[in-house]
Amino acid sequence: MPDEREVAADEPDAIEERCGPILDPILVSVAIIWGGNFVAYKHLMQVIVPAGLLAARFVAITVILLGVLAWRGRLRRGNTRAMWLRLLPAGVLIMGLQQITFVTGLNLTAAGEGSLIFSTAPVFTALMAAAIGQERIRPLNWLGIGAAMAGTAMVILGGAGARHVPHTRVTGDLLMLASSLGYALFMVASKPLMRRYGALKVLTFSYVFGLLVVVPFGAREAIAGEWMSLGPAGWFSMFWLVMLAGAYGFVAWYWRISRTTPSRVAVYQYCVPVVAMIAAALLLGERPAAVQIGGAVLVLLGLSLGRRNGAATCPS
């Protein structure tokens, strides 16, 4: 069992930051990067099969995380059998499958639309955290949850008039919703592990175990991918996916989860679709239908209400 000094070595500030500043600059930067993530994926999917793209990205991020963990001297120190038994299902059943549904769903829908549906993760996060006693939901939060889910339904069902949207968008939207659910599950399930073993270690080995499903899913496509035809824009998109959205984004995001309540972190997720929809309109020519715009406003309003004075309220 790791002692308190080992945990403190991984997380220098041992004091929990449950009531930090209103705006967390780290989380804001991650949200902006993740907003561009959807457009970067869409750009690369024109050349590389989604399964192969996921496998290549997943392997690259895993190698980087292992290197960082080894550099910090945490690769072997403090590991326990209990940790492995809890991280194995988290990596395989949540991290790996969640990423597969994400990439598959995004390939079948529009970038802006998919990002908006994926932003419902805070709703699922709050519900799960409340169910296990991590947080509590107040009446205003329930109103926000209902508004967010109604807005999501408007986005999924109201896309008939949207421009530059795949005809497979409904299937893609449902997969993105499933991915959002898996993402929320990982946020809540990993919180106690991150507090005990550190965010970097939990995230790294979750990726390692996630390889057990991701590599079989996309290894063949990754090997056969036309990587040399990507060009400068393609390689910049790959850098964005691996180094910015992956290595930096995930470590920073889950580190903040280990320092505060899950939905306090997850609320920044609603910045992601705003960035993604603007980037998709400018770079991909996507134009949502009027009903979807109304749904988007309703989702963002719902997420804001779901955060206010409720699920992420700081203790007195």
Protein backbone atom coordinates (compact mmCIF):
# COMPACT_ATOMS: atom_id res chain seq x y z
CA MET A 1 0.00 0.00 0.00
CA PRO A 2 1.47 3.39 -0.92
CA ASP A 3 2.02 5.67 2.03
CA GLU A 4 0.94 9.30 2.18
CA ARG A 5 4.37 10.52 1.18
CA GLU A 6 4.19 8.63 -2.12
CA VAL A 7 0.81 10.09 -2.97
CA ALA A 8 2.05 13.54 -2.03
CA ALA A 9 5.06 13.07 -4.29
CA ASP A 10 2.75 12.49 -7.22
CA GLU A 11 0.47 15.40 -6.29
CA PRO A 12 2.67 18.11 -4.67
CA ASP A 13 -0.22 20.10 -3.26
CA ALA A 14 -1.84 17.64 -0.88
CA ILE A 15 -4.64 20.01 0.06
CA GLU A 16 -7.87 19.34 -1.82
CA GLU A 17 -8.95 22.30 -3.95
CA ARG A 18 -12.72 21.94 -3.75
CA CYS A 19 -13.44 25.70 -3.76
CA GLY A 20 -10.90 27.14 -6.18
CA PRO A 21 -11.35 30.18 -8.43
CA ILE A 22 -14.52 30.57 -10.48
CA LEU A 23 -12.53 30.06 -13.69
CA ASP A 24 -9.73 27.51 -13.73
CA PRO A 25 -7.27 28.54 -16.48
CA ILE A 26 -5.97 24.98 -16.86
CA LEU A 27 -9.44 23.59 -17.45
CA VAL A 28 -10.33 26.45 -19.78
CA SER A 29 -7.26 25.72 -21.92
CA VAL A 30 -8.10 22.02 -22.04
CA ALA A 31 -11.70 22.76 -23.01
CA ILE A 32 -10.56 24.97 -25.89
CA ILE A 33 -8.10 22.32 -27.09
CA TRP A 34 -10.73 19.60 -26.88
CA GLY A 35 -13.11 21.78 -28.88
CA GLY A 36 -10.61 21.75 -31.73
CA ASN A 37 -10.22 18.00 -31.24
CA PHE A 38 -13.44 17.26 -33.14
CA VAL A 39 -12.32 19.17 -36.23
CA ALA A 40 -8.86 17.58 -36.11
CA TYR A 41 -10.44 14.13 -36.00
CA LYS A 42 -12.73 14.95 -38.92
CA HIS A 43 -9.80 16.21 -40.99
CA LEU A 44 -7.77 13.07 -40.40
CA MET A 45 -10.72 10.74 -41.00
CA GLN A 46 -10.71 11.86 -44.63
CA VAL A 47 -7.43 9.99 -45.05
CA ILE A 48 -7.14 7.47 -42.20
CA VAL A 49 -9.82 4.92 -41.26
CA PRO A 50 -11.27 5.90 -37.83
CA ALA A 51 -10.33 2.59 -36.19
CA GLY A 52 -6.73 2.93 -37.35
CA LEU A 53 -6.60 6.57 -36.29
CA LEU A 54 -7.82 5.65 -32.81
CA ALA A 55 -5.33 2.81 -32.44
CA ALA A 56 -2.39 4.97 -33.52
CA ARG A 57 -3.40 7.84 -31.26
CA PHE A 58 -4.10 5.55 -28.31
CA VAL A 59 -0.73 3.80 -28.58
CA ALA A 60 1.13 7.11 -28.95
CA ILE A 61 -0.56 8.64 -25.90
CA THR A 62 0.08 5.48 -23.85
CA VAL A 63 3.80 5.53 -24.66
CA ILE A 64 4.04 9.22 -23.75
CA LEU A 65 2.21 8.74 -20.46
CA LEU A 66 4.40 5.77 -19.53
CA GLY A 67 7.48 7.88 -20.26
CA VAL A 68 6.26 10.75 -18.10
CA LEU A 69 5.35 8.37 -15.28
CA ALA A 70 8.79 6.72 -15.43
CA TRP A 71 10.51 10.11 -15.54
CA ARG A 72 8.70 11.08 -12.35
CA GLY A 73 9.76 7.84 -10.66
CA ARG A 74 6.18 6.59 -10.25
CA LEU A 75 6.10 3.73 -12.75
CA ARG A 76 6.69 0.95 -10.21
CA ARG A 77 6.54 2.69 -6.84
CA GLY A 78 3.40 2.29 -4.78
CA ASN A 79 1.67 -0.25 -7.04
CA THR A 80 -0.64 -2.68 -5.25
CA ARG A 81 -2.71 -5.69 -6.22
CA ALA A 82 -5.87 -3.80 -5.30
CA MET A 83 -4.87 -1.01 -7.68
CA TRP A 84 -4.44 -3.45 -10.59
CA LEU A 85 -7.76 -5.14 -9.87
CA ARG A 86 -9.59 -1.80 -9.98
CA LEU A 87 -7.71 -0.31 -12.91
CA LEU A 88 -8.12 -3.33 -15.19
CA PRO A 89 -11.90 -2.99 -15.60
CA ALA A 90 -11.63 0.81 -15.67
CA GLY A 91 -9.17 0.62 -18.56
CA VAL A 92 -10.80 -2.16 -20.55
CA LEU A 93 -14.52 -1.69 -19.95
CA ILE A 94 -14.61 2.10 -19.66
CA MET A 95 -11.57 3.82 -21.18
CA GLY A 96 -11.12 1.49 -24.16
CA LEU A 97 -14.78 1.05 -25.10
CA GLN A 98 -15.56 4.72 -24.50
CA GLN A 99 -12.88 5.76 -26.97
CA ILE A 100 -14.15 3.27 -29.55
CA THR A 101 -17.71 4.57 -29.35
CA PHE A 102 -16.40 8.13 -29.49
CA VAL A 103 -14.42 7.73 -32.70
CA THR A 104 -17.03 5.55 -34.38
CA GLY A 105 -19.80 7.95 -33.48
CA LEU A 106 -17.90 11.05 -34.56
CA ASN A 107 -17.21 9.49 -37.94
CA LEU A 108 -20.96 9.05 -38.47
CA THR A 109 -22.11 12.53 -37.42
CA ALA A 110 -21.12 16.18 -37.74
CA ALA A 111 -18.27 17.55 -35.64
CA GLY A 112 -20.30 20.31 -33.99
CA GLU A 113 -23.31 18.08 -33.42
CA GLY A 114 -21.20 15.29 -31.93
CA SER A 115 -19.36 17.67 -29.63
CA LEU A 116 -22.63 19.09 -28.31
CA ILE A 117 -24.04 15.65 -27.54
CA PHE A 118 -20.79 14.56 -25.91
CA SER A 119 -20.98 17.65 -23.69
CA THR A 120 -23.85 16.01 -21.78
CA ALA A 121 -21.19 14.18 -19.75
CA PRO A 122 -21.64 16.54 -16.76
CA VAL A 123 -25.29 15.48 -16.56
CA PHE A 124 -24.36 11.81 -16.30
CA THR A 125 -21.47 12.68 -14.00
CA ALA A 126 -23.75 14.48 -11.55
CA LEU A 127 -26.31 11.67 -11.59
CA MET A 128 -23.69 8.98 -10.97
CA ALA A 129 -21.87 10.98 -8.31
CA ALA A 130 -25.16 11.59 -6.51
CA ALA A 131 -26.13 7.92 -6.74
CA ILE A 132 -23.01 6.84 -4.86
CA GLY A 133 -23.02 9.74 -2.39
CA GLN A 134 -20.11 11.77 -3.79
CA GLU A 135 -22.34 14.80 -4.40
CA ARG A 136 -25.96 15.84 -4.03
CA ILE A 137 -28.41 17.16 -6.58
CA ARG A 138 -30.77 20.00 -5.71
CA PRO A 139 -34.02 21.04 -7.42
CA LEU A 140 -32.30 23.62 -9.63
CA ASN A 141 -29.87 20.96 -10.77
CA TRP A 142 -32.72 18.65 -11.73
CA LEU A 143 -34.17 21.46 -13.84
CA GLY A 144 -30.82 21.83 -15.57
CA ILE A 145 -30.54 18.10 -16.17
CA GLY A 146 -33.98 18.03 -17.74
CA ALA A 147 -33.19 21.03 -19.95
CA ALA A 148 -29.90 19.51 -21.11
CA MET A 149 -31.53 16.20 -22.03
CA ALA A 150 -34.39 17.99 -23.85
CA GLY A 151 -31.85 20.05 -25.78
CA THR A 152 -29.94 16.90 -26.68
CA ALA A 153 -33.11 15.37 -28.09
CA MET A 154 -33.66 18.52 -30.18
CA VAL A 155 -30.13 18.27 -31.57
CA ILE A 156 -30.51 14.60 -32.48
CA LEU A 157 -34.02 14.81 -33.93
CA GLY A 158 -33.83 18.27 -35.50
CA GLY A 159 -30.92 17.83 -37.86
CA ALA A 160 -32.88 17.22 -41.06
CA GLY A 161 -32.23 20.78 -42.27
CA ALA A 162 -28.57 20.94 -41.36
CA ARG A 163 -25.93 21.42 -44.06
CA HIS A 164 -22.82 19.26 -44.60
CA VAL A 165 -24.09 16.60 -42.18
CA PRO A 166 -23.73 12.83 -42.85
CA HIS A 167 -26.95 10.86 -43.43
CA THR A 168 -25.75 8.51 -40.67
CA ARG A 169 -25.91 11.30 -38.10
CA VAL A 170 -28.60 9.75 -35.86
CA THR A 171 -26.58 6.57 -35.37
CA GLY A 172 -23.49 8.67 -34.75
CA ASP A 173 -25.33 10.87 -32.27
CA LEU A 174 -26.49 7.86 -30.27
CA LEU A 175 -22.94 6.50 -30.17
CA MET A 176 -21.68 9.89 -29.00
CA LEU A 177 -24.31 9.83 -26.25
CA ALA A 178 -23.09 6.36 -25.20
CA SER A 179 -19.52 7.65 -25.22
CA SER A 180 -20.57 10.57 -23.03
CA LEU A 181 -22.07 8.12 -20.57
CA GLY A 182 -18.84 6.08 -20.52
CA TYR A 183 -16.75 9.21 -20.03
CA ALA A 184 -18.87 10.25 -17.05
CA LEU A 185 -18.57 6.77 -15.58
CA PHE A 186 -14.79 6.92 -15.81
CA MET A 187 -14.70 10.37 -14.18
CA VAL A 188 -16.68 9.17 -11.17
CA ALA A 189 -15.08 5.72 -10.89
CA SER A 190 -11.53 7.05 -11.15
CA LYS A 191 -11.89 9.81 -8.55
CA PRO A 192 -11.08 7.68 -5.44
CA LEU A 193 -8.28 5.93 -7.32
CA MET A 194 -6.72 9.24 -8.33
CA ARG A 195 -6.83 10.50 -4.77
CA ARG A 196 -4.99 7.41 -3.55
CA TYR A 197 -2.54 6.72 -6.38
CA GLY A 198 -2.36 10.03 -8.24
CA ALA A 199 -4.05 11.18 -11.43
CA LEU A 200 -1.09 10.48 -13.70
CA LYS A 201 -0.69 6.86 -12.61
CA VAL A 202 -4.40 6.06 -12.84
CA LEU A 203 -4.73 7.64 -16.27
CA THR A 204 -1.57 5.96 -17.58
CA PHE A 205 -2.47 2.42 -16.57
CA SER A 206 -6.08 2.93 -17.65
CA TYR A 207 -4.65 3.60 -21.11
CA VAL A 208 -2.39 0.57 -20.85
CA PHE A 209 -5.32 -1.71 -20.09
CA GLY A 210 -7.43 0.07 -22.69
CA LEU A 211 -4.95 -1.17 -25.30
CA LEU A 212 -6.41 -4.65 -24.79
CA VAL A 213 -9.52 -3.60 -26.71
CA VAL A 214 -8.30 -0.66 -28.79
CA VAL A 215 -5.38 -2.44 -30.49
CA PRO A 216 -7.45 -5.43 -31.72
CA PHE A 217 -10.09 -2.94 -32.86
CA GLY A 218 -7.82 -0.85 -35.07
CA ALA A 219 -4.30 -2.29 -35.40
CA ARG A 220 -4.78 -3.60 -38.93
CA GLU A 221 -6.22 -0.30 -40.15
CA ALA A 222 -3.43 1.66 -38.44
CA ILE A 223 -0.74 -0.41 -40.16
CA ALA A 224 -2.44 -0.05 -43.54
CA GLY A 225 -3.10 3.69 -43.11
CA GLU A 226 -1.75 6.14 -45.70
CA TRP A 227 0.19 8.16 -43.16
CA MET A 228 2.68 9.58 -45.65
CA SER A 229 -0.13 11.32 -47.52
CA LEU A 230 -1.25 13.40 -44.55
CA GLY A 231 0.71 16.54 -45.38
CA PRO A 232 1.52 19.43 -42.99
CA ALA A 233 -2.12 20.04 -41.98
CA GLY A 234 -2.63 16.34 -41.31
CA TRP A 235 0.44 16.02 -39.13
CA PHE A 236 -0.49 19.17 -37.25
CA SER A 237 -3.90 17.62 -36.62
CA MET A 238 -2.18 14.46 -35.35
CA PHE A 239 0.02 16.57 -33.07
CA TRP A 240 -3.13 18.26 -31.79
CA LEU A 241 -4.81 14.91 -31.06
CA VAL A 242 -1.81 13.26 -29.40
CA MET A 243 0.19 15.96 -27.64
CA LEU A 244 -2.34 18.70 -26.91
CA ALA A 245 -5.71 16.97 -26.57
CA GLY A 246 -4.17 13.71 -25.38
CA ALA A 247 -0.99 13.99 -23.32
CA TYR A 248 -1.59 17.48 -21.96
CA GLY A 249 -5.38 17.49 -21.99
CA PHE A 250 -6.05 14.20 -20.23
CA VAL A 251 -3.35 14.61 -17.57
CA ALA A 252 -4.48 18.15 -16.71
CA TRP A 253 -8.18 17.24 -16.77
CA TYR A 254 -7.98 14.17 -14.54
CA TRP A 255 -5.48 15.83 -12.23
CA ARG A 256 -8.10 18.49 -11.57
CA ILE A 257 -10.70 15.76 -10.97
CA SER A 258 -8.51 14.37 -8.20
CA ARG A 259 -8.50 17.82 -6.56
CA THR A 260 -12.20 18.67 -6.56
CA THR A 261 -15.67 17.25 -7.19
CA PRO A 262 -16.19 15.49 -10.54
CA SER A 263 -18.96 17.79 -11.79
CA ARG A 264 -17.00 20.92 -10.83
CA VAL A 265 -14.44 19.80 -13.39
CA ALA A 266 -16.93 18.38 -15.87
CA VAL A 267 -18.81 21.68 -16.13
CA TYR A 268 -15.99 23.03 -18.29
CA GLN A 269 -17.09 20.44 -20.82
CA TYR A 270 -19.79 22.85 -21.98
CA CYS A 271 -17.06 25.15 -23.34
CA VAL A 272 -16.03 22.37 -25.71
CA PRO A 273 -19.09 22.34 -28.04
CA VAL A 274 -18.98 26.14 -28.37
CA VAL A 275 -15.41 25.97 -29.66
CA ALA A 276 -16.15 22.86 -31.74
CA MET A 277 -19.23 24.32 -33.43
CA ILE A 278 -17.42 27.56 -34.30
CA ALA A 279 -14.39 25.65 -35.61
CA ALA A 280 -16.59 23.24 -37.58
CA ALA A 281 -18.50 26.12 -39.17
CA LEU A 282 -15.30 27.93 -40.14
CA LEU A 283 -13.19 24.96 -41.25
CA LEU A 284 -15.69 22.27 -42.29
CA GLY A 285 -18.60 24.38 -43.51
CA GLU A 286 -21.08 22.80 -41.10
CA ARG A 287 -24.34 24.69 -40.60
CA PRO A 288 -26.74 23.36 -37.92
CA ALA A 289 -30.50 23.56 -38.41
CA ALA A 290 -32.52 26.15 -36.49
CA VAL A 291 -33.98 23.50 -34.20
CA GLN A 292 -30.48 22.28 -33.38
CA ILE A 293 -29.32 25.79 -32.52
CA GLY A 294 -32.24 26.03 -30.10
CA GLY A 295 -31.29 22.66 -28.68
CA ALA A 296 -27.69 23.77 -28.28
CA VAL A 297 -28.78 26.82 -26.28
CA LEU A 298 -30.98 24.59 -24.13
CA VAL A 299 -28.13 22.14 -23.49
CA LEU A 300 -25.72 24.89 -22.44
CA LEU A 301 -28.38 26.49 -20.24
CA GLY A 302 -29.11 23.11 -18.68
CA LEU A 303 -25.45 22.46 -17.98
CA SER A 304 -25.14 25.88 -16.36
CA LEU A 305 -28.17 25.24 -14.12
CA GLY A 306 -26.90 21.77 -13.34
CA ARG A 307 -23.72 23.34 -11.99
CA ARG A 308 -25.27 26.21 -10.01
CA ASN A 309 -25.58 25.91 -6.24
CA GLY A 310 -25.91 22.19 -6.42
CA ALA A 311 -24.03 19.14 -7.54
CA ALA A 312 -20.65 20.79 -7.26
CA THR A 313 -21.36 22.96 -4.27
CA CYS A 314 -18.32 23.40 -2.05
CA PRO A 315 -18.65 22.22 1.55
CA SER A 316 -18.86 24.92 4.21
